[in-house]
Amino acid sequence: MEMILDNIVLIGATFGSILLIGRYFYKLFKTWFKFIEDWNGSDGKPGIPARLDFIESELKPNHGSSVKDKVNKLEGQIDLILEHLLKK
């Protein structure tokens, strides 16, 4: 009877140790898993390469709809306002 109880305790300790080690490794690699998910993208959220491509496209002129075009338009308007104010 004592041997059976020893085996039960040994099995329980082994199982508990395995769970503890598994939990440690899960916490250790959780941020890595999150990074991989962000890099590849998920439903409704594009991956990092796709987002970088979008940002890059906004920094190049494309005849009116990019951020670069809008900044250039504002710069021209500010220059006209400044010229007008300096003439007075």
PDB file of N, CA and C in Angstrom:
ATOM      1  N   MET A   1       0.830  -1.203   0.000  1.00  0.00           N
ATOM      2  CA  MET A   1       0.000   0.000   0.000  1.00  0.00           C
ATOM      3  C   MET A   1       0.869   1.259   0.000  1.00  0.00           C
ATOM      4  N   GLU A   2       1.963   1.198   0.771  1.00  0.00           N
ATOM      5  CA  GLU A   2       2.841   2.364   0.862  1.00  0.00           C
ATOM      6  C   GLU A   2       3.515   2.642  -0.484  1.00  0.00           C
ATOM      7  N   MET A   3       3.826   1.561  -1.227  1.00  0.00           N
ATOM      8  CA  MET A   3       4.471   1.716  -2.523  1.00  0.00           C
ATOM      9  C   MET A   3       3.512   2.365  -3.527  1.00  0.00           C
ATOM     10  N   ILE A   4       2.249   2.021  -3.477  1.00  0.00           N
ATOM     11  CA  ILE A   4       1.247   2.610  -4.367  1.00  0.00           C
ATOM     12  C   ILE A   4       1.105   4.100  -4.069  1.00  0.00           C
ATOM     13  N   LEU A   5       1.090   4.460  -2.801  1.00  0.00           N
ATOM     14  CA  LEU A   5       0.987   5.862  -2.407  1.00  0.00           C
ATOM     15  C   LEU A   5       2.220   6.642  -2.864  1.00  0.00           C
ATOM     16  N   ASP A   6       3.402   6.035  -2.745  1.00  0.00           N
ATOM     17  CA  ASP A   6       4.630   6.677  -3.222  1.00  0.00           C
ATOM     18  C   ASP A   6       4.578   6.925  -4.730  1.00  0.00           C
ATOM     19  N   ASN A   7       4.064   5.945  -5.464  1.00  0.00           N
ATOM     20  CA  ASN A   7       3.955   6.096  -6.920  1.00  0.00           C
ATOM     21  C   ASN A   7       2.955   7.192  -7.299  1.00  0.00           C
ATOM     22  N   ILE A   8       1.854   7.279  -6.582  1.00  0.00           N
ATOM     23  CA  ILE A   8       0.861   8.323  -6.837  1.00  0.00           C
ATOM     24  C   ILE A   8       1.469   9.701  -6.579  1.00  0.00           C
ATOM     25  N   VAL A   9       2.203   9.842  -5.484  1.00  0.00           N
ATOM     26  CA  VAL A   9       2.857  11.120  -5.167  1.00  0.00           C
ATOM     27  C   VAL A   9       3.891  11.451  -6.232  1.00  0.00           C
ATOM     28  N   LEU A  10       4.663  10.448  -6.660  1.00  0.00           N
ATOM     29  CA  LEU A  10       5.679  10.655  -7.690  1.00  0.00           C
ATOM     30  C   LEU A  10       5.045  11.090  -9.013  1.00  0.00           C
ATOM     31  N   ILE A  11       3.968  10.428  -9.400  1.00  0.00           N
ATOM     32  CA  ILE A  11       3.272  10.796 -10.642  1.00  0.00           C
ATOM     33  C   ILE A  11       2.692  12.208 -10.530  1.00  0.00           C
ATOM     34  N   GLY A  12       2.101  12.545  -9.401  1.00  0.00           N
ATOM     35  CA  GLY A  12       1.553  13.887  -9.202  1.00  0.00           C
ATOM     36  C   GLY A  12       2.632  14.957  -9.243  1.00  0.00           C
ATOM     37  N   ALA A  13       3.775  14.680  -8.614  1.00  0.00           N
ATOM     38  CA  ALA A  13       4.884  15.651  -8.623  1.00  0.00           C
ATOM     39  C   ALA A  13       5.434  15.820 -10.034  1.00  0.00           C
ATOM     40  N   THR A  14       5.539  14.727 -10.769  1.00  0.00           N
ATOM     41  CA  THR A  14       6.035  14.790 -12.146  1.00  0.00           C
ATOM     42  C   THR A  14       5.074  15.596 -13.020  1.00  0.00           C
ATOM     43  N   PHE A  15       3.791  15.315 -12.906  1.00  0.00           N
ATOM     44  CA  PHE A  15       2.785  16.037 -13.677  1.00  0.00           C
ATOM     45  C   PHE A  15       2.799  17.529 -13.332  1.00  0.00           C
ATOM     46  N   GLY A  16       2.891  17.832 -12.036  1.00  0.00           N
ATOM     47  CA  GLY A  16       2.958  19.232 -11.603  1.00  0.00           C
ATOM     48  C   GLY A  16       4.190  19.933 -12.130  1.00  0.00           C
ATOM     49  N   SER A  17       5.328  19.240 -12.129  1.00  0.00           N
ATOM     50  CA  SER A  17       6.567  19.824 -12.651  1.00  0.00           C
ATOM     51  C   SER A  17       6.457  20.106 -14.137  1.00  0.00           C
ATOM     52  N   ILE A  18       5.858  19.170 -14.877  1.00  0.00           N
ATOM     53  CA  ILE A  18       5.684  19.364 -16.317  1.00  0.00           C
ATOM     54  C   ILE A  18       4.786  20.571 -16.583  1.00  0.00           C
ATOM     55  N   LEU A  19       3.711  20.719 -15.822  1.00  0.00           N
ATOM     56  CA  LEU A  19       2.827  21.878 -15.986  1.00  0.00           C
ATOM     57  C   LEU A  19       3.551  23.178 -15.664  1.00  0.00           C
ATOM     58  N   LEU A  20       4.356  23.162 -14.611  1.00  0.00           N
ATOM     59  CA  LEU A  20       5.102  24.359 -14.212  1.00  0.00           C
ATOM     60  C   LEU A  20       6.106  24.762 -15.289  1.00  0.00           C
ATOM     61  N   ILE A  21       6.819  23.790 -15.833  1.00  0.00           N
ATOM     62  CA  ILE A  21       7.787  24.077 -16.893  1.00  0.00           C
ATOM     63  C   ILE A  21       7.067  24.569 -18.151  1.00  0.00           C
ATOM     64  N   GLY A  22       5.945  23.932 -18.482  1.00  0.00           N
ATOM     65  CA  GLY A  22       5.166  24.370 -19.649  1.00  0.00           C
ATOM     66  C   GLY A  22       4.670  25.789 -19.496  1.00  0.00           C
ATOM     67  N   ARG A  23       4.211  26.140 -18.320  1.00  0.00           N
ATOM     68  CA  ARG A  23       3.739  27.508 -18.061  1.00  0.00           C
ATOM     69  C   ARG A  23       4.877  28.511 -18.197  1.00  0.00           C
ATOM     70  N   TYR A  24       6.057  28.144 -17.688  1.00  0.00           N
ATOM     71  CA  TYR A  24       7.227  29.017 -17.790  1.00  0.00           C
ATOM     72  C   TYR A  24       7.569  29.286 -19.261  1.00  0.00           C
ATOM     73  N   PHE A  25       7.615  28.212 -20.071  1.00  0.00           N
ATOM     74  CA  PHE A  25       7.962  28.387 -21.474  1.00  0.00           C
ATOM     75  C   PHE A  25       6.875  29.135 -22.236  1.00  0.00           C
ATOM     76  N   TYR A  26       5.620  28.952 -21.887  1.00  0.00           N
ATOM     77  CA  TYR A  26       4.547  29.706 -22.520  1.00  0.00           C
ATOM     78  C   TYR A  26       4.714  31.192 -22.258  1.00  0.00           C
ATOM     79  N   LYS A  27       4.973  31.559 -21.003  1.00  0.00           N
ATOM     80  CA  LYS A  27       5.182  32.981 -20.692  1.00  0.00           C
ATOM     81  C   LYS A  27       6.423  33.520 -21.384  1.00  0.00           C
ATOM     82  N   LEU A  28       7.460  32.693 -21.464  1.00  0.00           N
ATOM     83  CA  LEU A  28       8.709  33.112 -22.090  1.00  0.00           C
ATOM     84  C   LEU A  28       8.515  33.413 -23.571  1.00  0.00           C
ATOM     85  N   PHE A  29       7.752  32.576 -24.266  1.00  0.00           N
ATOM     86  CA  PHE A  29       7.592  32.723 -25.708  1.00  0.00           C
ATOM     87  C   PHE A  29       6.311  33.438 -26.121  1.00  0.00           C
ATOM     88  N   LYS A  30       5.494  33.880 -25.175  1.00  0.00           N
ATOM     89  CA  LYS A  30       4.232  34.532 -25.514  1.00  0.00           C
ATOM     90  C   LYS A  30       4.466  35.791 -26.349  1.00  0.00           C
ATOM     91  N   THR A  31       5.455  36.602 -25.982  1.00  0.00           N
ATOM     92  CA  THR A  31       5.723  37.821 -26.756  1.00  0.00           C
ATOM     93  C   THR A  31       6.231  37.475 -28.156  1.00  0.00           C
ATOM     94  N   TRP A  32       6.998  36.387 -28.261  1.00  0.00           N
ATOM     95  CA  TRP A  32       7.475  35.966 -29.572  1.00  0.00           C
ATOM     96  C   TRP A  32       6.304  35.528 -30.455  1.00  0.00           C
ATOM     97  N   PHE A  33       5.366  34.786 -29.883  1.00  0.00           N
ATOM     98  CA  PHE A  33       4.187  34.365 -30.629  1.00  0.00           C
ATOM     99  C   PHE A  33       3.366  35.574 -31.070  1.00  0.00           C
ATOM    100  N   LYS A  34       3.254  36.578 -30.214  1.00  0.00           N
ATOM    101  CA  LYS A  34       2.511  37.803 -30.541  1.00  0.00           C
ATOM    102  C   LYS A  34       3.198  38.537 -31.698  1.00  0.00           C
ATOM    103  N   PHE A  35       4.524  38.605 -31.645  1.00  0.00           N
ATOM    104  CA  PHE A  35       5.278  39.251 -32.723  1.00  0.00           C
ATOM    105  C   PHE A  35       5.057  38.535 -34.051  1.00  0.00           C
ATOM    106  N   ILE A  36       5.116  37.216 -34.050  1.00  0.00           N
ATOM    107  CA  ILE A  36       4.912  36.443 -35.278  1.00  0.00           C
ATOM    108  C   ILE A  36       3.502  36.677 -35.818  1.00  0.00           C
ATOM    109  N   GLU A  37       2.519  36.723 -34.925  1.00  0.00           N
ATOM    110  CA  GLU A  37       1.144  36.984 -35.362  1.00  0.00           C
ATOM    111  C   GLU A  37       1.016  38.380 -35.955  1.00  0.00           C
ATOM    112  N   ASP A  38       1.636  39.378 -35.319  1.00  0.00           N
ATOM    113  CA  ASP A  38       1.604  40.739 -35.862  1.00  0.00           C
ATOM    114  C   ASP A  38       2.313  40.807 -37.211  1.00  0.00           C
ATOM    115  N   TRP A  39       3.430  40.119 -37.339  1.00  0.00           N
ATOM    116  CA  TRP A  39       4.203  40.156 -38.582  1.00  0.00           C
ATOM    117  C   TRP A  39       3.390  39.566 -39.738  1.00  0.00           C
ATOM    118  N   ASN A  40       2.747  38.431 -39.491  1.00  0.00           N
ATOM    119  CA  ASN A  40       1.990  37.754 -40.548  1.00  0.00           C
ATOM    120  C   ASN A  40       0.608  38.348 -40.760  1.00  0.00           C
ATOM    121  N   GLY A  41       0.057  38.990 -39.740  1.00  0.00           N
ATOM    122  CA  GLY A  41      -1.286  39.541 -39.842  1.00  0.00           C
ATOM    123  C   GLY A  41      -2.319  38.515 -39.409  1.00  0.00           C
ATOM    124  N   SER A  42      -3.530  38.984 -39.232  1.00  0.00           N
ATOM    125  CA  SER A  42      -4.634  38.111 -38.845  1.00  0.00           C
ATOM    126  C   SER A  42      -5.907  38.642 -39.503  1.00  0.00           C
ATOM    127  N   ASP A  43      -7.033  38.059 -39.180  1.00  0.00           N
ATOM    128  CA  ASP A  43      -8.296  38.475 -39.791  1.00  0.00           C
ATOM    129  C   ASP A  43      -8.554  39.958 -39.526  1.00  0.00           C
ATOM    130  N   GLY A  44      -8.698  40.722 -40.576  1.00  0.00           N
ATOM    131  CA  GLY A  44      -9.008  42.140 -40.445  1.00  0.00           C
ATOM    132  C   GLY A  44      -7.821  43.020 -40.079  1.00  0.00           C
ATOM    133  N   LYS A  45      -6.644  42.439 -39.931  1.00  0.00           N
ATOM    134  CA  LYS A  45      -5.455  43.219 -39.571  1.00  0.00           C
ATOM    135  C   LYS A  45      -4.299  42.755 -40.449  1.00  0.00           C
ATOM    136  N   PRO A  46      -3.847  43.623 -41.367  1.00  0.00           N
ATOM    137  CA  PRO A  46      -2.765  43.208 -42.259  1.00  0.00           C
ATOM    138  C   PRO A  46      -1.450  43.040 -41.492  1.00  0.00           C
ATOM    139  N   GLY A  47      -0.565  42.286 -42.064  1.00  0.00           N
ATOM    140  CA  GLY A  47       0.747  42.070 -41.453  1.00  0.00           C
ATOM    141  C   GLY A  47       1.630  43.301 -41.564  1.00  0.00           C
ATOM    142  N   ILE A  48       2.762  43.253 -40.914  1.00  0.00           N
ATOM    143  CA  ILE A  48       3.677  44.399 -40.890  1.00  0.00           C
ATOM    144  C   ILE A  48       4.183  44.760 -42.289  1.00  0.00           C
ATOM    145  N   PRO A  49       4.597  43.798 -43.128  1.00  0.00           N
ATOM    146  CA  PRO A  49       5.041  44.193 -44.477  1.00  0.00           C
ATOM    147  C   PRO A  49       3.966  44.939 -45.262  1.00  0.00           C
ATOM    148  N   ALA A  50       2.708  44.518 -45.142  1.00  0.00           N
ATOM    149  CA  ALA A  50       1.620  45.205 -45.863  1.00  0.00           C
ATOM    150  C   ALA A  50       1.423  46.609 -45.313  1.00  0.00           C
ATOM    151  N   ARG A  51       1.527  46.756 -43.990  1.00  0.00           N
ATOM    152  CA  ARG A  51       1.373  48.095 -43.408  1.00  0.00           C
ATOM    153  C   ARG A  51       2.522  49.006 -43.824  1.00  0.00           C
ATOM    154  N   LEU A  52       3.739  48.471 -43.895  1.00  0.00           N
ATOM    155  CA  LEU A  52       4.876  49.279 -44.322  1.00  0.00           C
ATOM    156  C   LEU A  52       4.734  49.685 -45.786  1.00  0.00           C
ATOM    157  N   ASP A  53       4.218  48.800 -46.609  1.00  0.00           N
ATOM    158  CA  ASP A  53       3.973  49.150 -48.017  1.00  0.00           C
ATOM    159  C   ASP A  53       2.961  50.289 -48.126  1.00  0.00           C
ATOM    160  N   PHE A  54       1.918  50.248 -47.296  1.00  0.00           N
ATOM    161  CA  PHE A  54       0.912  51.320 -47.312  1.00  0.00           C
ATOM    162  C   PHE A  54       1.544  52.649 -46.890  1.00  0.00           C
ATOM    163  N   ILE A  55       2.334  52.619 -45.827  1.00  0.00           N
ATOM    164  CA  ILE A  55       2.988  53.854 -45.352  1.00  0.00           C
ATOM    165  C   ILE A  55       3.908  54.398 -46.434  1.00  0.00           C
ATOM    166  N   GLU A  56       4.672  53.528 -47.070  1.00  0.00           N
ATOM    167  CA  GLU A  56       5.576  53.966 -48.129  1.00  0.00           C
ATOM    168  C   GLU A  56       4.798  54.595 -49.287  1.00  0.00           C
ATOM    169  N   SER A  57       3.649  54.026 -49.633  1.00  0.00           N
ATOM    170  CA  SER A  57       2.859  54.578 -50.730  1.00  0.00           C
ATOM    171  C   SER A  57       2.309  55.959 -50.381  1.00  0.00           C
ATOM    172  N   GLU A  58       2.054  56.216 -49.114  1.00  0.00           N
ATOM    173  CA  GLU A  58       1.552  57.534 -48.702  1.00  0.00           C
ATOM    174  C   GLU A  58       2.647  58.604 -48.753  1.00  0.00           C
ATOM    175  N   LEU A  59       3.900  58.187 -48.778  1.00  0.00           N
ATOM    176  CA  LEU A  59       5.006  59.143 -48.796  1.00  0.00           C
ATOM    177  C   LEU A  59       5.477  59.480 -50.205  1.00  0.00           C
ATOM    178  N   LYS A  60       4.820  58.926 -51.200  1.00  0.00           N
ATOM    179  CA  LYS A  60       5.167  59.206 -52.594  1.00  0.00           C
ATOM    180  C   LYS A  60       3.997  59.931 -53.250  1.00  0.00           C
ATOM    181  N   PRO A  61       4.275  60.953 -54.069  1.00  0.00           N
ATOM    182  CA  PRO A  61       3.181  61.655 -54.748  1.00  0.00           C
ATOM    183  C   PRO A  61       2.458  60.738 -55.733  1.00  0.00           C
ATOM    184  N   ASN A  62       1.110  60.880 -55.775  1.00  0.00           N
ATOM    185  CA  ASN A  62       0.330  60.081 -56.723  1.00  0.00           C
ATOM    186  C   ASN A  62      -0.833  60.905 -57.290  1.00  0.00           C
ATOM    187  N   HIS A  63      -0.602  62.162 -57.524  1.00  0.00           N
ATOM    188  CA  HIS A  63      -1.564  63.068 -58.157  1.00  0.00           C
ATOM    189  C   HIS A  63      -2.760  63.400 -57.277  1.00  0.00           C
ATOM    190  N   GLY A  64      -2.541  63.608 -55.992  1.00  0.00           N
ATOM    191  CA  GLY A  64      -3.594  64.189 -55.168  1.00  0.00           C
ATOM    192  C   GLY A  64      -4.059  63.454 -53.950  1.00  0.00           C
ATOM    193  N   SER A  65      -3.956  62.147 -53.869  1.00  0.00           N
ATOM    194  CA  SER A  65      -4.584  61.462 -52.741  1.00  0.00           C
ATOM    195  C   SER A  65      -3.603  61.012 -51.654  1.00  0.00           C
ATOM    196  N   SER A  66      -2.296  61.130 -51.881  1.00  0.00           N
ATOM    197  CA  SER A  66      -1.345  60.703 -50.856  1.00  0.00           C
ATOM    198  C   SER A  66      -1.078  61.839 -49.863  1.00  0.00           C
ATOM    199  N   VAL A  67      -0.529  61.496 -48.744  1.00  0.00           N
ATOM    200  CA  VAL A  67      -0.175  62.498 -47.739  1.00  0.00           C
ATOM    201  C   VAL A  67       0.871  63.451 -48.308  1.00  0.00           C
ATOM    202  N   LYS A  68       1.811  62.918 -49.072  1.00  0.00           N
ATOM    203  CA  LYS A  68       2.850  63.750 -49.683  1.00  0.00           C
ATOM    204  C   LYS A  68       2.229  64.813 -50.580  1.00  0.00           C
ATOM    205  N   ASP A  69       1.218  64.460 -51.379  1.00  0.00           N
ATOM    206  CA  ASP A  69       0.543  65.428 -52.249  1.00  0.00           C
ATOM    207  C   ASP A  69      -0.152  66.506 -51.426  1.00  0.00           C
ATOM    208  N   LYS A  70      -0.802  66.093 -50.351  1.00  0.00           N
ATOM    209  CA  LYS A  70      -1.523  67.059 -49.522  1.00  0.00           C
ATOM    210  C   LYS A  70      -0.574  68.016 -48.820  1.00  0.00           C
ATOM    211  N   VAL A  71       0.571  67.509 -48.370  1.00  0.00           N
ATOM    212  CA  VAL A  71       1.570  68.384 -47.736  1.00  0.00           C
ATOM    213  C   VAL A  71       2.117  69.373 -48.764  1.00  0.00           C
ATOM    214  N   ASN A  72       2.393  68.894 -49.960  1.00  0.00           N
ATOM    215  CA  ASN A  72       2.888  69.795 -51.009  1.00  0.00           C
ATOM    216  C   ASN A  72       1.854  70.868 -51.351  1.00  0.00           C
ATOM    217  N   LYS A  73       0.577  70.489 -51.396  1.00  0.00           N
ATOM    218  CA  LYS A  73      -0.489  71.457 -51.684  1.00  0.00           C
ATOM    219  C   LYS A  73      -0.563  72.505 -50.577  1.00  0.00           C
ATOM    220  N   LEU A  74      -0.503  72.060 -49.331  1.00  0.00           N
ATOM    221  CA  LEU A  74      -0.531  73.006 -48.201  1.00  0.00           C
ATOM    222  C   LEU A  74       0.681  73.934 -48.226  1.00  0.00           C
ATOM    223  N   GLU A  75       1.828  73.390 -48.578  1.00  0.00           N
ATOM    224  CA  GLU A  75       3.032  74.210 -48.651  1.00  0.00           C
ATOM    225  C   GLU A  75       2.864  75.320 -49.696  1.00  0.00           C
ATOM    226  N   GLY A  76       2.292  74.969 -50.834  1.00  0.00           N
ATOM    227  CA  GLY A  76       2.050  75.973 -51.867  1.00  0.00           C
ATOM    228  C   GLY A  76       1.064  77.037 -51.406  1.00  0.00           C
ATOM    229  N   GLN A  77       0.005  76.620 -50.719  1.00  0.00           N
ATOM    230  CA  GLN A  77      -0.977  77.579 -50.222  1.00  0.00           C
ATOM    231  C   GLN A  77      -0.369  78.499 -49.166  1.00  0.00           C
ATOM    232  N   ILE A  78       0.471  77.950 -48.303  1.00  0.00           N
ATOM    233  CA  ILE A  78       1.123  78.775 -47.271  1.00  0.00           C
ATOM    234  C   ILE A  78       2.063  79.777 -47.926  1.00  0.00           C
ATOM    235  N   ASP A  79       2.775  79.343 -48.969  1.00  0.00           N
ATOM    236  CA  ASP A  79       3.661  80.270 -49.686  1.00  0.00           C
ATOM    237  C   ASP A  79       2.860  81.424 -50.294  1.00  0.00           C
ATOM    238  N   LEU A  80       1.680  81.131 -50.879  1.00  0.00           N
ATOM    239  CA  LEU A  80       0.840  82.190 -51.443  1.00  0.00           C
ATOM    240  C   LEU A  80       0.354  83.149 -50.364  1.00  0.00           C
ATOM    241  N   ILE A  81      -0.053  82.610 -49.231  1.00  0.00           N
ATOM    242  CA  ILE A  81      -0.520  83.457 -48.118  1.00  0.00           C
ATOM    243  C   ILE A  81       0.626  84.328 -47.632  1.00  0.00           C
ATOM    244  N   LEU A  82       1.789  83.760 -47.491  1.00  0.00           N
ATOM    245  CA  LEU A  82       2.965  84.516 -47.023  1.00  0.00           C
ATOM    246  C   LEU A  82       3.317  85.628 -48.020  1.00  0.00           C
ATOM    247  N   GLU A  83       3.288  85.335 -49.312  1.00  0.00           N
ATOM    248  CA  GLU A  83       3.538  86.371 -50.312  1.00  0.00           C
ATOM    249  C   GLU A  83       2.520  87.497 -50.201  1.00  0.00           C
ATOM    250  N   HIS A  84       1.261  87.134 -50.039  1.00  0.00           N
ATOM    251  CA  HIS A  84       0.193  88.113 -49.929  1.00  0.00           C
ATOM    252  C   HIS A  84       0.392  88.992 -48.678  1.00  0.00           C
ATOM    253  N   LEU A  85       0.759  88.385 -47.564  1.00  0.00           N
ATOM    254  CA  LEU A  85       0.965  89.138 -46.346  1.00  0.00           C
ATOM    255  C   LEU A  85       2.195  90.051 -46.414  1.00  0.00           C
ATOM    256  N   LEU A  86       3.231  89.596 -47.102  1.00  0.00           N
ATOM    257  CA  LEU A  86       4.439  90.400 -47.222  1.00  0.00           C
ATOM    258  C   LEU A  86       4.264  91.591 -48.157  1.00  0.00           C
ATOM    259  N   LYS A  87       3.325  91.511 -49.099  1.00  0.00           N
ATOM    260  CA  LYS A  87       3.061  92.617 -50.007  1.00  0.00           C
ATOM    261  C   LYS A  87       2.375  93.770 -49.275  1.00  0.00           C
ATOM    262  N   LYS A  88       1.632  93.491 -48.220  1.00  0.00           N
ATOM    263  CA  LYS A  88       0.887  94.540 -47.522  1.00  0.00           C
ATOM    264  C   LYS A  88       1.747  95.318 -46.603  1.00  0.00           C
TER     265      LYS A  88
END
